[in-house]
């Protein structure tokens, strides 16, 4: 149980009680703050499967979400890349392996997925493989949503025509004003810029394309990010989303853009919260989804026992594979190390031993933004997890504050309660004696 100390529009103090494990948001006298959603029957909450290395998860041969990793190669060297530490464990593939993958798919896949995600690295580096895969996947699973995340720097007219013909949903991963942390900006090249703009014009009408950014210390204001794209595309209707806040998957990120100062965290929280007041957050799907999920959980009393990991890869029906049909912890990992879980051709033998459900982490079980966060990255440990968790916590605090401002007119000031944060490395400066 936590006490949320807030102020109203007149600056008067208002305190609420919030229990993230039962999603109870009440006044101090116990009365609900939000009108309880009227439903004909109370939802029958199903407990999430809680996994850890000693209690491994399973994978199903009839996934609802199939993530196909084409390879971890990329033409960019982003300073916070969550795949760079996995590149050496990537299983190398050739274009011919795409055909072998399709042949093997018949041997293990049961039923049709509702979503098929195509991943790199940079997936357009593997366009010849996509030309083999996509037509056949589209033929076999005509009702499946096929999507792809790209940095947008390798577009050609041939690729644009291919995307349009197979109606692939596209996310262009670009950090707007913080793009310098990734590398070259494709918008600075006239030819690439024209292709990106053409893709936007062709795909925006049916919501088949979106720009999505990562929050970093150099890129912490969602409203400013969206405005950057408005100015660049000369289109006030641009809807941008967020891939989330930067995580620390390696020492490079821990030594650079994955670490925030207290002042930077404060700016992050305020920029997110104030965007809900101005309404700008309502144009950013990732913020809307998080805030709406929090408010919905409070109205319906969503128990934390029903919560899996935010990425969904702890679920048996979310399966990531490479073109050798190796099952992976997730699409950001390689098969030739600990995150290679075995062959999809022997799906019954697959065990997800590499990850930990949030319920086994003390910090998550004592976190006021648990319902907003969903446990950070499930396979990180040690300092990498601790820093990623702190970043997610600060992000969640900004959304919590913003949701309270938008829904209740209350500004979150402090939170009182048994909040436990993961232990992080303490840096002790060494000062030479004079």
Protein backbone atom coordinates (compact mmCIF):
# COMPACT_ATOMS: atom_id res chain seq x y z
CA UNK A 1 0.00 0.00 0.00
CA UNK A 2 1.28 3.45 -0.90
CA UNK A 3 0.12 6.95 -0.06
CA UNK A 4 0.14 9.29 -3.04
CA UNK A 5 0.62 12.83 -1.76
CA UNK A 6 -0.77 15.24 -4.33
CA UNK A 7 -1.91 18.84 -4.70
CA UNK A 8 -5.07 20.04 -6.44
CA UNK A 9 -5.46 22.98 -8.83
CA UNK A 10 -5.59 25.38 -5.88
CA UNK A 11 -2.38 23.98 -4.40
CA UNK A 12 -4.21 22.25 -1.55
CA UNK A 13 -2.89 18.87 -0.38
CA UNK A 14 -4.82 15.73 -1.35
CA UNK A 15 -3.70 12.23 -0.42
CA UNK A 16 -4.81 8.95 -1.97
CA UNK A 17 -4.18 5.32 -1.17
CA UNK A 18 -2.94 3.05 -3.90
CA UNK A 19 -2.33 -0.70 -3.76
CA UNK A 20 -0.69 -1.84 -7.01
CA UNK A 21 -1.24 -5.54 -6.31
CA UNK A 22 -5.01 -5.10 -6.10
CA UNK A 23 -5.17 -1.92 -8.20
CA UNK A 24 -7.17 -0.20 -5.48
CA UNK A 25 -7.05 3.60 -5.79
CA UNK A 26 -9.03 5.18 -2.98
CA UNK A 27 -9.35 8.23 -0.79
CA UNK A 28 -7.89 7.91 2.70
CA UNK A 29 -11.35 6.90 3.99
CA UNK A 30 -11.40 3.95 1.60
CA UNK A 31 -13.90 5.29 -0.93
CA UNK A 32 -12.98 4.71 -4.58
CA UNK A 33 -11.45 7.65 -6.42
CA UNK A 34 -12.59 6.47 -9.84
CA UNK A 35 -16.05 5.18 -10.63
CA UNK A 36 -15.88 1.40 -10.62
CA UNK A 37 -16.47 0.11 -14.12
CA UNK A 38 -19.91 -1.41 -14.34
CA UNK A 39 -19.65 -4.87 -15.82
CA UNK A 40 -22.25 -7.58 -16.05
CA UNK A 41 -19.82 -10.03 -14.52
CA UNK A 42 -16.55 -9.53 -12.70
CA UNK A 43 -13.65 -10.47 -15.00
CA UNK A 44 -12.28 -13.93 -14.36
CA UNK A 45 -8.63 -13.02 -14.01
CA UNK A 46 -6.24 -15.71 -15.13
CA UNK A 47 -2.97 -15.94 -13.26
CA UNK A 48 0.12 -15.21 -15.33
CA UNK A 49 2.71 -17.96 -15.60
CA UNK A 50 5.57 -17.02 -13.28
CA UNK A 51 8.89 -18.10 -14.70
CA UNK A 52 12.48 -18.08 -13.47
CA UNK A 53 15.54 -20.17 -14.34
CA UNK A 54 14.48 -22.86 -11.85
CA UNK A 55 10.85 -22.70 -12.95
CA UNK A 56 11.20 -22.35 -16.73
CA UNK A 57 8.51 -21.34 -19.15
CA UNK A 58 7.34 -23.28 -22.19
CA UNK A 59 6.78 -22.33 -25.80
CA UNK A 60 3.81 -23.35 -27.94
CA UNK A 61 3.72 -24.69 -31.47
CA UNK A 62 0.67 -22.51 -32.18
CA UNK A 63 1.95 -19.02 -31.32
CA UNK A 64 -0.36 -16.03 -31.56
CA UNK A 65 2.70 -13.81 -32.05
CA UNK A 66 5.56 -15.08 -34.21
CA UNK A 67 8.74 -12.98 -34.21
CA UNK A 68 11.16 -13.83 -36.99
CA UNK A 69 14.72 -12.61 -36.48
CA UNK A 70 16.40 -12.14 -39.85
CA UNK A 71 19.79 -11.39 -38.30
CA UNK A 72 21.34 -8.88 -35.91
CA UNK A 73 23.36 -7.02 -38.53
CA UNK A 74 22.72 -3.27 -38.73
CA UNK A 75 24.08 -0.32 -40.68
CA UNK A 76 23.89 1.86 -37.57
CA UNK A 77 25.88 1.72 -34.32
CA UNK A 78 23.44 3.20 -31.83
CA UNK A 79 25.11 4.14 -28.56
CA UNK A 80 22.44 2.34 -26.53
CA UNK A 81 21.69 -0.63 -28.81
CA UNK A 82 20.00 -3.47 -26.92
CA UNK A 83 21.34 -6.02 -29.43
CA UNK A 84 25.02 -5.10 -29.72
CA UNK A 85 26.10 -7.48 -26.97
CA UNK A 86 24.32 -10.33 -28.77
CA UNK A 87 25.75 -9.92 -32.26
CA UNK A 88 28.57 -12.45 -31.74
CA UNK A 89 26.01 -15.08 -30.72
CA UNK A 90 23.93 -14.56 -33.86
CA UNK A 91 23.48 -17.59 -36.08
CA UNK A 92 24.63 -16.61 -39.58
CA UNK A 93 22.11 -17.17 -42.36
CA UNK A 94 21.92 -16.95 -46.13
CA UNK A 95 19.01 -16.10 -48.40
CA UNK A 96 18.57 -19.83 -49.03
CA UNK A 97 17.87 -20.28 -45.32
CA UNK A 98 14.68 -18.27 -45.70
CA UNK A 99 13.31 -20.97 -47.99
CA UNK A 100 14.45 -23.68 -45.56
CA UNK A 101 12.72 -21.82 -42.74
CA UNK A 102 9.44 -21.82 -44.65
CA UNK A 103 9.84 -25.55 -45.35
CA UNK A 104 10.48 -26.26 -41.66
CA UNK A 105 7.56 -24.07 -40.61
CA UNK A 106 5.18 -26.76 -41.82
CA UNK A 107 6.89 -29.26 -39.52
CA UNK A 108 6.23 -27.44 -36.28
CA UNK A 109 3.70 -24.65 -36.71
CA UNK A 110 0.18 -25.57 -35.67
CA UNK A 111 -2.52 -23.07 -36.57
CA UNK A 112 -2.06 -19.48 -37.74
CA UNK A 113 -0.49 -16.61 -35.81
CA UNK A 114 -2.43 -13.36 -35.53
CA UNK A 115 0.77 -11.31 -35.70
CA UNK A 116 4.04 -11.87 -37.57
CA UNK A 117 6.88 -9.49 -36.72
CA UNK A 118 9.98 -9.22 -38.90
CA UNK A 119 13.08 -8.15 -36.99
CA UNK A 120 16.75 -7.29 -37.46
CA UNK A 121 19.17 -5.78 -36.59
CA UNK A 122 18.07 -3.66 -39.46
CA UNK A 123 15.60 -5.85 -41.35
CA UNK A 124 16.06 -4.03 -44.67
CA UNK A 125 19.65 -5.28 -44.76
CA UNK A 126 17.97 -8.62 -45.39
CA UNK A 127 15.58 -7.49 -48.12
CA UNK A 128 16.35 -10.48 -50.34
CA UNK A 129 15.31 -12.77 -47.51
CA UNK A 130 12.15 -10.69 -47.02
CA UNK A 131 11.33 -11.19 -50.70
CA UNK A 132 11.35 -14.94 -50.06
CA UNK A 133 9.56 -14.90 -46.72
CA UNK A 134 6.81 -12.31 -46.97
CA UNK A 135 4.92 -13.56 -50.06
CA UNK A 136 4.72 -17.07 -48.64
CA UNK A 137 3.82 -15.93 -45.12
CA UNK A 138 1.12 -13.71 -46.61
CA UNK A 139 -0.23 -16.65 -48.62
CA UNK A 140 -0.24 -19.08 -45.70
CA UNK A 141 -1.54 -16.67 -43.08
CA UNK A 142 -3.70 -14.12 -44.92
CA UNK A 143 -5.35 -12.87 -41.72
CA UNK A 144 -2.09 -12.27 -39.87
CA UNK A 145 -0.80 -8.73 -39.32
CA UNK A 146 2.73 -8.53 -40.76
CA UNK A 147 4.86 -5.76 -39.28
CA UNK A 148 8.44 -4.55 -39.31
CA UNK A 149 10.60 -2.03 -37.42
CA UNK A 150 13.26 -0.26 -39.49
CA UNK A 151 15.55 2.73 -39.11
CA UNK A 152 14.34 3.91 -42.50
CA UNK A 153 17.78 4.60 -43.94
CA UNK A 154 17.80 1.83 -46.56
CA UNK A 155 14.50 2.52 -48.29
CA UNK A 156 14.30 2.33 -52.06
CA UNK A 157 11.34 2.62 -54.40
CA UNK A 158 11.46 -1.16 -54.81
CA UNK A 159 11.13 -1.59 -51.06
CA UNK A 160 8.31 0.96 -50.87
CA UNK A 161 6.40 -0.91 -53.56
CA UNK A 162 7.02 -4.22 -51.73
CA UNK A 163 5.72 -2.78 -48.44
CA UNK A 164 2.61 -1.43 -50.13
CA UNK A 165 1.87 -4.62 -52.08
CA UNK A 166 1.98 -6.83 -48.97
CA UNK A 167 0.51 -4.15 -46.71
CA UNK A 168 3.28 -4.44 -44.12
CA UNK A 169 2.78 -2.30 -41.06
CA UNK A 170 5.90 -0.17 -40.64
CA UNK A 171 7.45 1.43 -37.58
CA UNK A 172 10.33 3.78 -38.36
CA UNK A 173 12.61 3.86 -35.35
CA UNK A 174 14.01 7.40 -35.19
CA UNK A 175 14.80 9.60 -32.21
CA UNK A 176 13.90 12.96 -33.71
CA UNK A 177 15.94 15.62 -31.87
CA UNK A 178 17.97 12.86 -30.18
CA UNK A 179 18.91 11.05 -33.40
CA UNK A 180 22.61 11.90 -32.95
CA UNK A 181 22.85 9.10 -30.37
CA UNK A 182 22.04 6.64 -33.14
CA UNK A 183 24.09 7.93 -36.04
CA UNK A 184 23.28 9.62 -39.32
CA UNK A 185 19.84 11.10 -39.78
CA UNK A 186 18.20 9.77 -42.96
CA UNK A 187 16.23 13.00 -43.14
CA UNK A 188 19.51 14.85 -43.78
CA UNK A 189 19.98 13.00 -47.05
CA UNK A 190 17.66 14.38 -49.77
CA UNK A 191 17.04 11.01 -51.43
CA UNK A 192 16.43 9.11 -48.19
CA UNK A 193 14.31 11.96 -46.84
CA UNK A 194 12.12 11.93 -49.95
CA UNK A 195 11.60 8.17 -49.62
CA UNK A 196 10.71 8.44 -45.94
CA UNK A 197 8.24 11.21 -46.68
CA UNK A 198 6.74 9.20 -49.53
CA UNK A 199 6.33 6.21 -47.23
CA UNK A 200 4.62 8.44 -44.66
CA UNK A 201 2.25 9.97 -47.20
CA UNK A 202 1.30 6.57 -48.60
CA UNK A 203 0.87 4.72 -45.30
CA UNK A 204 -0.46 7.31 -42.84
CA UNK A 205 -4.08 7.34 -44.02
CA UNK A 206 -4.77 3.81 -42.84
CA UNK A 207 -2.48 4.01 -39.81
CA UNK A 208 -0.01 1.63 -41.44
CA UNK A 209 3.10 3.58 -40.45
CA UNK A 210 4.33 5.35 -37.35
CA UNK A 211 7.52 6.99 -36.14
CA UNK A 212 8.74 5.72 -32.77
CA UNK A 213 11.49 7.04 -30.51
CA UNK A 214 13.51 5.99 -27.47
CA UNK A 215 13.60 8.28 -24.46
CA UNK A 216 17.18 9.13 -23.47
CA UNK A 217 18.73 11.95 -21.43
CA UNK A 218 19.19 13.80 -24.74
CA UNK A 219 15.65 13.04 -25.88
CA UNK A 220 13.36 13.12 -22.87
CA UNK A 221 10.40 15.29 -23.93
CA UNK A 222 7.73 13.36 -25.88
CA UNK A 223 5.99 16.57 -26.98
CA UNK A 224 9.24 17.99 -28.34
CA UNK A 225 9.90 14.73 -30.19
CA UNK A 226 6.51 14.86 -31.88
CA UNK A 227 6.96 18.52 -32.78
CA UNK A 228 10.28 17.66 -34.40
CA UNK A 229 8.48 15.28 -36.75
CA UNK A 230 5.68 17.81 -37.35
CA UNK A 231 8.26 20.34 -38.47
CA UNK A 232 10.28 17.87 -40.52
CA UNK A 233 7.26 16.43 -42.35
CA UNK A 234 5.29 19.70 -42.41
CA UNK A 235 2.31 17.77 -41.10
CA UNK A 236 0.54 18.75 -37.90
CA UNK A 237 -1.34 15.43 -37.89
CA UNK A 238 1.81 13.37 -37.29
CA UNK A 239 1.31 10.76 -34.59
CA UNK A 240 4.52 9.56 -32.98
CA UNK A 241 4.99 6.85 -30.42
CA UNK A 242 7.69 5.70 -28.02
CA UNK A 243 9.67 2.49 -27.95
CA UNK A 244 10.03 3.22 -24.26
CA UNK A 245 12.89 4.47 -22.16
CA UNK A 246 16.48 3.50 -22.84
CA UNK A 247 17.59 0.22 -21.26
CA UNK A 248 21.14 -0.83 -20.38
CA UNK A 249 21.99 -4.12 -22.07
CA UNK A 250 25.76 -3.65 -22.06
CA UNK A 251 28.60 -1.65 -20.52
CA UNK A 252 28.49 0.89 -23.34
CA UNK A 253 24.97 1.91 -22.40
CA UNK A 254 25.90 1.87 -18.70
CA UNK A 255 28.75 4.27 -19.44
CA UNK A 256 26.68 6.56 -21.63
CA UNK A 257 23.06 7.31 -22.54
CA UNK A 258 21.57 4.65 -20.27
CA UNK A 259 22.42 6.59 -17.12
CA UNK A 260 20.49 9.70 -16.07
CA UNK A 261 21.25 12.37 -13.49
CA UNK A 262 18.59 13.33 -10.92
CA UNK A 263 17.98 16.58 -12.80
CA UNK A 264 17.49 14.65 -16.05
CA UNK A 265 15.02 12.30 -14.37
CA UNK A 266 13.12 15.30 -13.04
CA UNK A 267 12.89 16.83 -16.51
CA UNK A 268 11.72 13.47 -17.90
CA UNK A 269 8.94 13.09 -15.32
CA UNK A 270 7.73 16.66 -15.71
CA UNK A 271 7.77 16.62 -19.51
CA UNK A 272 5.69 13.43 -19.54
CA UNK A 273 3.26 14.60 -16.85
CA UNK A 274 2.77 18.04 -18.38
CA UNK A 275 2.07 16.49 -21.80
CA UNK A 276 -1.08 14.96 -20.29
CA UNK A 277 -2.18 18.39 -19.06
CA UNK A 278 -1.70 19.98 -22.47
CA UNK A 279 -3.26 17.03 -24.27
CA UNK A 280 -0.10 16.38 -26.27
CA UNK A 281 0.21 12.92 -24.69
CA UNK A 282 -3.08 11.96 -26.32
CA UNK A 283 -1.28 12.00 -29.67
CA UNK A 284 1.38 9.58 -28.44
CA UNK A 285 -0.03 6.02 -28.40
CA UNK A 286 2.55 4.60 -25.98
CA UNK A 287 1.64 7.19 -23.32
CA UNK A 288 -2.08 6.80 -23.90
CA UNK A 289 -1.81 3.03 -23.63
CA UNK A 290 0.11 3.16 -20.36
CA UNK A 291 -2.16 5.76 -18.73
CA UNK A 292 -5.33 4.08 -19.95
CA UNK A 293 -4.07 0.72 -18.68
CA UNK A 294 -3.40 2.19 -15.24
CA UNK A 295 -6.83 3.85 -15.01
CA UNK A 296 -8.57 0.76 -16.34
CA UNK A 297 -6.81 -1.45 -13.80
CA UNK A 298 -7.98 0.89 -11.01
CA UNK A 299 -11.57 0.75 -12.23
CA UNK A 300 -11.60 -3.03 -12.72
CA UNK A 301 -9.38 -4.03 -9.80
CA UNK A 302 -6.85 -5.84 -11.97
CA UNK A 303 -4.76 -8.11 -9.71
CA UNK A 304 -1.02 -8.15 -10.19
CA UNK A 305 -1.15 -11.95 -10.27
CA UNK A 306 -2.56 -11.65 -13.80
CA UNK A 307 0.40 -9.59 -15.02
CA UNK A 308 3.08 -11.06 -17.22
CA UNK A 309 6.19 -9.25 -18.42
CA UNK A 310 5.67 -6.06 -20.42
CA UNK A 311 7.30 -7.55 -23.56
CA UNK A 312 5.07 -10.64 -23.53
CA UNK A 313 7.99 -12.97 -24.23
CA UNK A 314 7.38 -14.90 -21.01
CA UNK A 315 4.19 -16.19 -22.60
CA UNK A 316 4.13 -19.56 -24.31
CA UNK A 317 2.22 -18.18 -27.30
CA UNK A 318 4.84 -15.51 -28.06
CA UNK A 319 7.66 -17.21 -29.96
CA UNK A 320 10.86 -15.73 -31.42
CA UNK A 321 12.82 -17.75 -33.97
CA UNK A 322 15.70 -17.18 -36.36
CA UNK A 323 15.91 -18.52 -39.91
CA UNK A 324 17.44 -21.77 -38.69
CA UNK A 325 14.25 -22.30 -36.63
CA UNK A 326 16.19 -21.75 -33.41
CA UNK A 327 13.88 -20.58 -30.62
CA UNK A 328 15.23 -17.48 -28.85
CA UNK A 329 14.57 -15.79 -25.53
CA UNK A 330 13.49 -12.81 -27.62
CA UNK A 331 14.22 -11.30 -31.01
CA UNK A 332 17.05 -9.19 -29.53
CA UNK A 333 19.16 -12.24 -28.68
CA UNK A 334 21.33 -14.74 -30.58
CA UNK A 335 21.01 -18.52 -30.81
CA UNK A 336 24.68 -19.44 -30.32
CA UNK A 337 24.80 -18.66 -26.59
CA UNK A 338 22.56 -18.94 -23.54
CA UNK A 339 19.55 -17.35 -25.30
CA UNK A 340 19.33 -20.12 -27.87
CA UNK A 341 16.63 -22.32 -26.33
CA UNK A 342 16.61 -25.15 -28.86
CA UNK A 343 14.91 -25.99 -32.14
CA UNK A 344 11.30 -25.19 -32.96
CA UNK A 345 11.22 -28.64 -34.56
CA UNK A 346 11.36 -29.98 -31.01
CA UNK A 347 9.07 -27.41 -29.41
CA UNK A 348 7.99 -29.73 -26.59
CA UNK A 349 11.59 -29.71 -25.34
CA UNK A 350 11.95 -25.92 -25.28
CA UNK A 351 12.45 -24.44 -21.81
CA UNK A 352 12.69 -20.69 -21.16
CA UNK A 353 15.43 -20.84 -18.52
CA UNK A 354 17.00 -17.47 -19.22
CA UNK A 355 14.45 -15.10 -17.72
CA UNK A 356 12.85 -14.01 -14.47
CA UNK A 357 9.24 -12.93 -13.97
CA UNK A 358 8.84 -9.66 -12.09
CA UNK A 359 7.21 -11.41 -9.12
CA UNK A 360 10.57 -12.96 -8.22
CA UNK A 361 12.23 -9.53 -7.97
CA UNK A 362 11.85 -7.73 -4.64
CA UNK A 363 11.95 -4.29 -6.22
CA UNK A 364 9.02 -5.09 -8.51
CA UNK A 365 6.85 -6.43 -5.72
CA UNK A 366 7.40 -3.20 -3.78
CA UNK A 367 6.94 -0.74 -6.63
CA UNK A 368 4.16 1.85 -6.95
CA UNK A 369 4.35 1.82 -10.76
CA UNK A 370 4.29 -1.97 -11.19
CA UNK A 371 1.04 -1.83 -13.18
CA UNK A 372 2.63 0.74 -15.52
CA UNK A 373 6.01 -0.94 -15.90
CA UNK A 374 5.47 -4.68 -16.16
CA UNK A 375 8.89 -5.64 -14.87
CA UNK A 376 11.50 -4.10 -17.19
CA UNK A 377 13.60 -6.55 -19.25
CA UNK A 378 13.03 -10.11 -18.08
CA UNK A 379 16.49 -11.49 -18.89
CA UNK A 380 18.71 -8.73 -17.50
CA UNK A 381 20.43 -9.16 -14.15
CA UNK A 382 22.86 -7.26 -11.92
CA UNK A 383 23.83 -3.71 -12.77
CA UNK A 384 22.23 -3.89 -16.20
CA UNK A 385 18.86 -4.75 -14.69
CA UNK A 386 19.24 -2.27 -11.83
CA UNK A 387 19.83 0.69 -14.14
CA UNK A 388 17.14 -0.38 -16.62
CA UNK A 389 14.72 -0.80 -13.73
CA UNK A 390 15.50 2.69 -12.43
CA UNK A 391 14.88 4.17 -15.86
CA UNK A 392 11.54 2.34 -16.16
CA UNK A 393 10.61 3.47 -12.66
CA UNK A 394 11.18 7.13 -13.49
CA UNK A 395 9.28 6.76 -16.76
CA UNK A 396 6.39 5.13 -14.91
CA UNK A 397 6.37 7.90 -12.31
CA UNK A 398 5.96 10.47 -15.07
CA UNK A 399 3.01 8.58 -16.58
CA UNK A 400 1.42 8.04 -13.15
CA UNK A 401 1.66 11.76 -12.43
CA UNK A 402 0.28 12.57 -15.87
CA UNK A 403 -2.66 10.17 -15.51
CA UNK A 404 -3.58 11.73 -12.15
CA UNK A 405 -3.35 15.22 -13.63
CA UNK A 406 -5.49 14.34 -16.62
CA UNK A 407 -8.12 12.21 -14.87
CA UNK A 408 -8.33 13.83 -11.44
CA UNK A 409 -6.70 17.25 -11.70
CA UNK A 410 -4.13 16.21 -9.09
CA UNK A 411 -0.39 16.74 -9.29
CA UNK A 412 1.69 13.98 -7.73
CA UNK A 413 4.24 15.39 -5.26
CA UNK A 414 5.61 12.42 -3.32
CA UNK A 415 4.86 8.77 -2.62
CA UNK A 416 4.99 7.30 0.88
CA UNK A 417 5.44 3.58 1.42
CA UNK A 418 7.77 0.63 1.34
CA UNK A 419 9.43 1.33 -2.01
CA UNK A 420 12.43 -0.92 -2.63
CA UNK A 421 14.82 -0.20 -5.45
CA UNK A 422 17.39 -2.66 -6.84
CA UNK A 423 20.92 -2.33 -5.52
CA UNK A 424 23.20 -0.52 -7.91
CA UNK A 425 26.94 -0.25 -8.04
CA UNK A 426 28.31 2.48 -5.81
CA UNK A 427 31.08 4.58 -7.33
CA UNK A 428 33.62 5.76 -4.75
CA UNK A 429 35.86 8.57 -6.05
CA UNK A 430 39.56 8.26 -5.35
CA UNK A 431 41.18 11.56 -4.45
CA UNK A 432 44.96 11.82 -4.51
CA UNK A 433 46.48 13.11 -1.29
CA UNK A 434 48.43 16.33 -1.65
